[in-house]
Protein backbone atom coordinates (compact mmCIF):
# COMPACT_ATOMS: atom_id res chain seq x y z
CA MET A 1 -0.06 0.11 -0.01
CA ALA A 2 1.54 3.42 -1.05
CA HIS A 3 0.49 6.75 0.40
CA ILE A 4 -0.59 9.11 -2.35
CA LEU A 5 -1.02 12.72 -1.58
CA ILE A 6 -3.08 14.62 -4.32
CA THR A 7 -3.36 18.44 -4.13
CA GLY A 8 -6.56 19.48 -5.85
CA GLY A 9 -7.96 16.17 -4.79
CA ALA A 10 -11.52 17.41 -4.58
CA GLY A 11 -11.32 18.79 -8.10
CA PHE A 12 -12.54 17.32 -11.47
CA ILE A 13 -9.37 15.21 -12.31
CA GLY A 14 -8.05 14.91 -8.77
CA SER A 15 -11.26 13.24 -7.37
CA HIS A 16 -11.08 10.68 -10.33
CA LEU A 17 -7.41 10.08 -9.29
CA CYS A 18 -8.48 9.53 -5.64
CA GLY A 19 -11.03 6.92 -6.69
CA LYS A 20 -8.55 4.92 -8.99
CA TYR A 21 -5.80 4.90 -6.44
CA LEU A 22 -8.32 3.78 -3.53
CA LEU A 23 -9.63 1.19 -5.85
CA ARG A 24 -6.04 0.03 -6.32
CA GLY A 25 -5.67 -0.30 -2.56
CA ASP A 26 -3.59 2.61 -1.89
CA ARG A 27 -3.84 5.24 0.92
CA VAL A 28 -4.88 8.45 -0.37
CA THR A 29 -4.80 11.95 1.28
CA ALA A 30 -6.59 14.77 -0.59
CA VAL A 31 -5.62 18.43 -0.09
CA ASP A 32 -7.95 20.95 -1.47
CA SER A 33 -8.92 24.65 -0.43
CA PHE A 34 -12.30 24.20 -2.23
CA LEU A 35 -11.82 27.25 -4.34
CA THR A 36 -12.94 25.38 -7.44
CA GLY A 37 -13.05 21.75 -5.92
CA SER A 38 -16.08 20.39 -4.17
CA GLU A 39 -16.54 18.04 -1.18
CA GLU A 40 -19.28 16.39 -3.11
CA ASN A 41 -16.58 15.08 -5.54
CA VAL A 42 -15.04 13.03 -2.77
CA ALA A 43 -17.98 12.44 -0.54
CA ARG A 44 -18.33 8.75 -1.82
CA PHE A 45 -14.94 8.02 -0.23
CA SER A 46 -15.65 9.32 3.17
CA GLU A 47 -16.35 5.96 4.74
CA ASN A 48 -13.16 4.39 3.00
CA LYS A 49 -10.61 4.06 6.02
CA ASN A 50 -7.74 4.72 3.44
CA PHE A 51 -9.01 8.18 2.56
CA THR A 52 -8.22 11.32 4.25
CA LEU A 53 -9.40 14.78 3.26
CA ILE A 54 -7.72 17.96 4.54
CA ARG A 55 -8.86 21.50 3.65
CA HIS A 56 -5.76 23.48 3.04
CA ASP A 57 -4.59 26.02 0.53
CA VAL A 58 -1.40 24.61 -0.75
CA SER A 59 0.00 28.05 -1.42
CA GLU A 60 0.70 27.83 2.39
CA PRO A 61 3.13 25.26 4.01
CA PHE A 62 1.58 21.90 4.40
CA PRO A 63 0.48 21.00 7.81
CA GLU A 64 2.01 17.65 9.36
CA ILE A 65 1.18 14.82 6.98
CA ASP A 66 2.39 11.24 7.39
CA LYS A 67 5.27 10.19 5.04
CA THR A 68 4.14 10.09 1.42
CA ASP A 69 5.41 7.88 -1.45
CA PHE A 70 3.84 10.01 -4.10
CA VAL A 71 3.01 13.63 -4.42
CA LEU A 72 0.53 14.59 -7.22
CA HIS A 73 0.34 18.39 -7.71
CA PHE A 74 -3.28 18.93 -9.22
CA ALA A 75 -4.40 22.05 -7.40
CA CYS A 76 -5.01 24.88 -9.70
CA PRO A 77 -8.40 26.49 -11.19
CA ALA A 78 -8.02 25.55 -14.87
CA SER A 79 -10.98 27.12 -16.54
CA PRO A 80 -11.29 30.29 -18.75
CA VAL A 81 -13.68 31.91 -16.36
CA ASP A 82 -11.05 31.54 -13.41
CA PHE A 83 -8.54 33.50 -15.44
CA THR A 84 -10.33 36.81 -14.69
CA ARG A 85 -12.04 35.56 -11.52
CA VAL A 86 -9.19 34.38 -9.45
CA PRO A 87 -5.85 35.04 -11.42
CA LEU A 88 -3.74 35.83 -8.24
CA GLU A 89 -4.86 32.59 -6.68
CA ILE A 90 -3.78 30.64 -9.92
CA LEU A 91 -0.25 32.57 -9.90
CA ARG A 92 0.07 31.49 -6.20
CA VAL A 93 -0.95 27.84 -6.45
CA ASP A 94 1.48 27.21 -9.47
CA SER A 95 4.34 29.12 -7.82
CA LEU A 96 4.16 28.85 -4.18
CA GLY A 97 1.99 25.79 -4.29
CA THR A 98 4.34 24.07 -6.47
CA PHE A 99 7.35 24.83 -4.27
CA ASN A 100 5.52 23.61 -1.25
CA ALA A 101 4.42 20.42 -2.77
CA LEU A 102 8.21 19.83 -4.17
CA GLU A 103 9.36 20.38 -0.88
CA LEU A 104 7.00 17.84 0.77
CA ALA A 105 8.20 15.39 -1.99
CA LYS A 106 11.90 16.34 -1.41
CA LYS A 107 11.45 15.74 2.43
CA ASP A 108 9.81 12.40 2.06
CA GLY A 109 11.85 11.12 -0.87
CA ALA A 110 8.56 10.75 -2.84
CA ARG A 111 8.08 10.68 -6.56
CA PHE A 112 6.38 14.02 -7.66
CA LEU A 113 4.12 14.62 -10.58
CA LEU A 114 3.19 18.08 -11.82
CA ALA A 115 -0.14 18.49 -13.61
CA SER A 116 0.77 20.81 -16.50
CA THR A 117 -1.26 21.55 -19.47
CA SER A 118 -1.40 21.94 -23.20
CA GLU A 119 -1.70 25.63 -22.52
CA VAL A 120 2.07 25.72 -22.23
CA TYR A 121 2.16 25.69 -25.98
CA GLY A 122 0.07 28.74 -26.02
CA ASP A 123 -1.46 29.41 -29.70
CA PRO A 124 0.86 27.05 -31.28
CA LEU A 125 2.93 27.76 -34.49
CA VAL A 126 3.69 24.08 -34.76
CA HIS A 127 0.77 21.52 -35.20
CA PRO A 128 0.24 18.81 -33.95
CA GLN A 129 2.35 19.61 -30.75
CA THR A 130 5.11 17.43 -29.55
CA GLU A 131 6.88 17.73 -26.00
CA ASP A 132 10.00 19.47 -27.58
CA TYR A 133 7.86 22.35 -28.84
CA TRP A 134 8.57 25.31 -26.75
CA GLY A 135 5.30 27.14 -27.42
CA ASN A 136 3.95 30.62 -28.37
CA VAL A 137 2.63 32.18 -25.22
CA ASN A 138 1.38 35.62 -24.72
CA PRO A 139 3.07 36.56 -21.51
CA THR A 140 0.81 39.73 -20.83
CA GLY A 141 -2.68 38.47 -22.12
CA LEU A 142 -5.68 37.45 -19.93
CA ARG A 143 -4.53 33.75 -20.28
CA SER A 144 -1.27 34.41 -18.97
CA CYS A 145 -1.96 33.93 -15.29
CA TYR A 146 -2.54 30.27 -16.18
CA ASP A 147 -0.13 29.77 -19.12
CA GLU A 148 2.76 31.30 -17.60
CA ALA A 149 2.25 29.80 -14.30
CA LYS A 150 2.12 26.37 -15.52
CA ARG A 151 5.42 27.14 -17.69
CA PHE A 152 6.89 28.29 -14.31
CA ALA A 153 5.74 25.34 -12.52
CA GLU A 154 7.38 23.09 -15.15
CA ALA A 155 10.68 24.95 -14.60
CA ALA A 156 10.51 24.83 -10.85
CA THR A 157 9.86 20.99 -11.33
CA MET A 158 13.08 20.58 -13.30
CA VAL A 159 15.27 22.47 -11.04
CA TYR A 160 14.16 20.20 -8.02
CA LEU A 161 15.10 17.21 -10.39
CA ARG A 162 18.52 18.73 -11.27
CA LYS A 163 19.50 20.53 -8.03
CA TYR A 164 18.11 18.07 -5.34
CA GLU A 165 17.60 14.90 -7.46
CA VAL A 166 13.86 14.74 -6.58
CA ASN A 167 12.09 12.06 -8.60
CA THR A 168 9.86 14.45 -10.66
CA GLY A 169 7.53 13.89 -13.55
CA ILE A 170 5.43 16.25 -15.69
CA VAL A 171 2.13 15.43 -17.49
CA ARG A 172 0.79 17.94 -20.12
CA ILE A 173 -2.91 17.57 -20.15
CA PHE A 174 -4.93 18.26 -23.08
CA ASN A 175 -8.75 18.98 -23.11
CA THR A 176 -10.35 16.56 -20.82
CA TYR A 177 -14.08 16.05 -20.05
CA GLY A 178 -16.43 13.83 -18.02
CA PRO A 179 -18.52 13.74 -14.94
CA ARG A 180 -17.74 15.94 -12.01
CA MET A 181 -17.02 18.94 -14.03
CA ARG A 182 -18.36 22.15 -13.01
CA LEU A 183 -21.45 23.32 -15.20
CA ASP A 184 -20.33 27.08 -14.77
CA ASP A 185 -16.78 25.88 -15.70
CA GLY A 186 -16.53 27.90 -18.88
CA ARG A 187 -14.83 25.27 -20.89
CA VAL A 188 -16.48 24.00 -24.17
CA VAL A 189 -17.77 20.64 -22.95
CA PRO A 190 -19.87 21.92 -19.91
CA ASN A 191 -20.79 25.13 -21.90
CA PHE A 192 -22.38 23.07 -24.78
CA CYS A 193 -23.87 20.33 -22.66
CA GLY A 194 -25.40 22.71 -20.20
CA GLN A 195 -26.96 24.98 -23.14
CA ALA A 196 -28.32 22.00 -24.83
CA LEU A 197 -29.94 20.53 -21.83
CA ARG A 198 -31.46 23.89 -21.10
CA ASN A 199 -32.54 24.57 -24.73
CA GLU A 200 -30.40 27.58 -24.81
CA PRO A 201 -28.22 28.58 -27.92
CA LEU A 202 -24.79 26.95 -28.16
CA THR A 203 -22.34 29.86 -28.00
CA VAL A 204 -19.51 29.38 -30.45
CA TYR A 205 -16.92 31.84 -29.98
CA GLY A 206 -15.39 33.28 -33.17
CA ASP A 207 -15.94 31.38 -36.40
CA GLY A 208 -15.83 27.88 -34.68
CA LYS A 209 -12.85 26.79 -37.09
CA GLN A 210 -10.49 26.48 -34.10
CA THR A 211 -9.86 22.99 -32.91
CA ARG A 212 -9.61 20.95 -29.83
CA SER A 213 -8.97 17.29 -28.92
CA PHE A 214 -11.26 15.77 -26.27
CA CYS A 215 -10.07 12.98 -23.86
CA PHE A 216 -12.47 11.31 -21.52
CA VAL A 217 -11.33 11.62 -17.88
CA ASP A 218 -11.01 7.83 -17.41
CA ASP A 219 -8.49 7.57 -20.29
CA LEU A 220 -6.56 10.68 -18.89
CA VAL A 221 -6.39 9.06 -15.33
CA ASP A 222 -5.12 5.71 -17.04
CA GLY A 223 -2.25 7.64 -18.75
CA ILE A 224 -1.37 9.66 -15.55
CA MET A 225 -1.21 6.66 -13.19
CA ARG A 226 1.10 4.98 -15.70
CA LEU A 227 3.25 7.99 -15.71
CA VAL A 228 3.33 8.15 -11.96
CA ASP A 229 4.50 4.54 -11.76
CA SER A 230 7.35 5.24 -14.29
CA ASN A 231 10.61 6.94 -13.84
CA GLU A 232 10.06 9.49 -16.58
CA HIS A 233 11.22 13.10 -15.95
CA GLY A 234 10.63 14.97 -19.06
CA PRO A 235 6.96 16.26 -19.92
CA VAL A 236 4.58 13.71 -21.41
CA ASN A 237 1.44 14.61 -23.48
CA ILE A 238 -1.65 12.78 -22.32
CA GLY A 239 -4.76 13.70 -24.62
CA ASN A 240 -6.64 12.54 -27.63
CA PRO A 241 -4.98 12.94 -31.04
CA ASP A 242 -8.61 12.88 -32.55
CA GLU A 243 -9.14 16.64 -33.50
CA HIS A 244 -12.39 18.43 -34.00
CA THR A 245 -13.48 21.89 -34.92
CA ILE A 246 -15.56 23.71 -32.35
CA LEU A 247 -18.28 24.26 -34.69
CA ASP A 248 -18.32 20.50 -35.55
CA PHE A 249 -18.30 19.70 -32.02
CA ALA A 250 -21.27 21.89 -31.23
CA LYS A 251 -23.30 20.18 -33.83
CA PHE A 252 -22.41 16.78 -32.36
CA VAL A 253 -23.56 17.93 -28.92
CA VAL A 254 -26.94 19.20 -30.38
CA GLU A 255 -27.37 15.83 -32.03
CA ALA A 256 -26.49 14.00 -28.66
CA VAL A 257 -29.38 15.62 -26.80
CA PRO A 258 -32.62 14.35 -28.53
CA GLY A 259 -35.49 16.88 -28.45
CA THR A 260 -33.27 20.02 -27.67
CA ARG A 261 -34.41 23.31 -29.25
CA SER A 262 -30.85 24.70 -29.17
CA ARG A 263 -29.34 26.27 -32.20
CA ILE A 264 -25.82 27.59 -32.77
CA GLU A 265 -25.01 31.03 -32.18
CA PHE A 266 -21.73 32.76 -33.05
CA VAL A 267 -20.34 35.34 -30.48
CA PRO A 268 -17.15 37.33 -30.43
CA LEU A 269 -13.93 35.68 -29.13
CA LYS A 270 -13.37 36.25 -25.21
CA PHE A 271 -9.53 36.01 -25.75
CA THR A 272 -7.64 37.36 -28.75
CA ASP A 273 -4.93 34.83 -27.97
CA ASP A 274 -7.35 31.73 -27.77
CA PRO A 275 -5.39 28.94 -29.38
CA LYS A 276 -6.50 28.17 -32.89
CA GLN A 277 -5.34 24.61 -32.99
CA ARG A 278 -4.95 21.89 -30.32
CA ARG A 279 -3.86 18.29 -31.08
CA PRO A 280 -1.30 16.22 -29.02
CA VAL A 281 1.35 13.85 -30.39
CA ILE A 282 1.13 11.08 -27.98
CA ALA A 283 4.01 8.90 -29.36
CA ARG A 284 6.11 9.59 -26.12
CA ALA A 285 3.32 8.17 -23.96
CA GLN A 286 2.91 5.17 -26.36
CA LYS A 287 6.71 4.40 -26.28
CA LEU A 288 7.58 5.13 -22.79
CA LEU A 289 4.25 4.32 -20.86
CA GLY A 290 2.48 1.86 -22.98
CA TRP A 291 -0.34 4.23 -23.15
CA ASN A 292 -1.97 4.00 -26.54
CA GLY A 293 -4.55 6.75 -26.41
CA PRO A 294 -8.11 6.97 -25.48
CA LYS A 295 -10.46 3.91 -25.44
CA VAL A 296 -13.63 5.79 -24.74
CA THR A 297 -15.29 7.13 -27.84
CA LEU A 298 -16.42 10.78 -28.05
CA LYS A 299 -19.98 9.43 -28.24
CA GLU A 300 -19.75 7.25 -25.19
CA GLY A 301 -17.83 9.92 -23.10
CA ILE A 302 -20.37 12.71 -24.01
CA ALA A 303 -23.29 10.46 -23.27
CA LYS A 304 -21.73 9.64 -19.72
CA THR A 305 -21.08 13.46 -19.30
CA LEU A 306 -24.61 14.51 -20.39
CA ASP A 307 -26.01 11.94 -17.83
CA TYR A 308 -24.13 13.59 -15.05
CA PHE A 309 -25.10 17.12 -16.06
CA ARG A 310 -28.88 16.05 -16.39
CA ALA A 311 -28.75 14.93 -12.80
CA ARG A 312 -27.35 18.16 -11.66
CA LEU A 313 -29.80 20.12 -13.57
C-alpha cells in the first residue's frame, strides 16, 4: 500500500485520481482549498478508511502529514472563467504551491508529478504539438496567469530534479471532459452540454474553426497513473489525437441531446490569443508508458457526461 497525496484532490481530475488509487488499494490523502473543488466530488470516499481529506491552501506550507510515497500536484483553477475571476490565486498555487509540494516530496523522498497543461504551448505555431515544442505564449494576455504559471511550475519541477534529485515527472494534459466538471466551468464541454440541456443557444466563439481534442477523464487518469509509476522526468503529453473543430463539436452535442431546441449562435472571441489549434502527439506516452490513447469514444464519453449534467440540472 502506497501513500498518495493529491493536491486539488476534490477537483474534477483530482477526485477521479483519488477513486482509482483507492480502488487499487492505496492510501490517499486529498488536499484541497475548495476554491473550485467540491466536497461532493469526494463524499463517496468518506467511509473508506484509507482516505483522508484535508482542507488547506497549498500556497501555504503543508500541515503535518504522514510520510508520502507519491505527491501529485493537481491543485489549480483551470477554466477560462477563472483566469479573470481568481488570477492571483492561480499564480500563487502554481508558484508557491508548486514549491511547497516539491519540498514535501523532497523531504519524504517521494515521486512527484506536476499536472501541467497543453496551455504551455500557447497559440501554437507547430501543429500537432510534441513535447519538445517550446510554445507561443502571450506573457501579458488574460490567459497568461495560467499559461505562464504552468510554464513556471514546469521550470521549478525541473530545477528540483537537477538540483535536489527529486524524482519528478510532468504530465501535459490536453482538453479533458467527463463527470464532476462544473457546469459553470466555462470550458467548451460543460458550456455546450449545459446549453443543450437547457434549450439555450450553443455559443460558438469566433467562427468555430478553432480545433480541440477531447479526452475522457478515465482515459486521462489511466495515462497519468502509468506516468506516476514510471521514472520518466521529461514532460509527457496525455490527450486525444482525434481533432475536432468547435463548430463540428457544437453540432455533435446538439445531435446527442434528442429533443433539444438549441441552435448554434456565434459570438465574439473572449480571448484574442485563444489557441486556434490543439492536438497532441502521443508517441512519447505510447513508447514510454504503453499508453496507446483513449479507449472511450467521444459518443460514449459525451453520453456519460450528459447523464451527469442532467442529474445536476
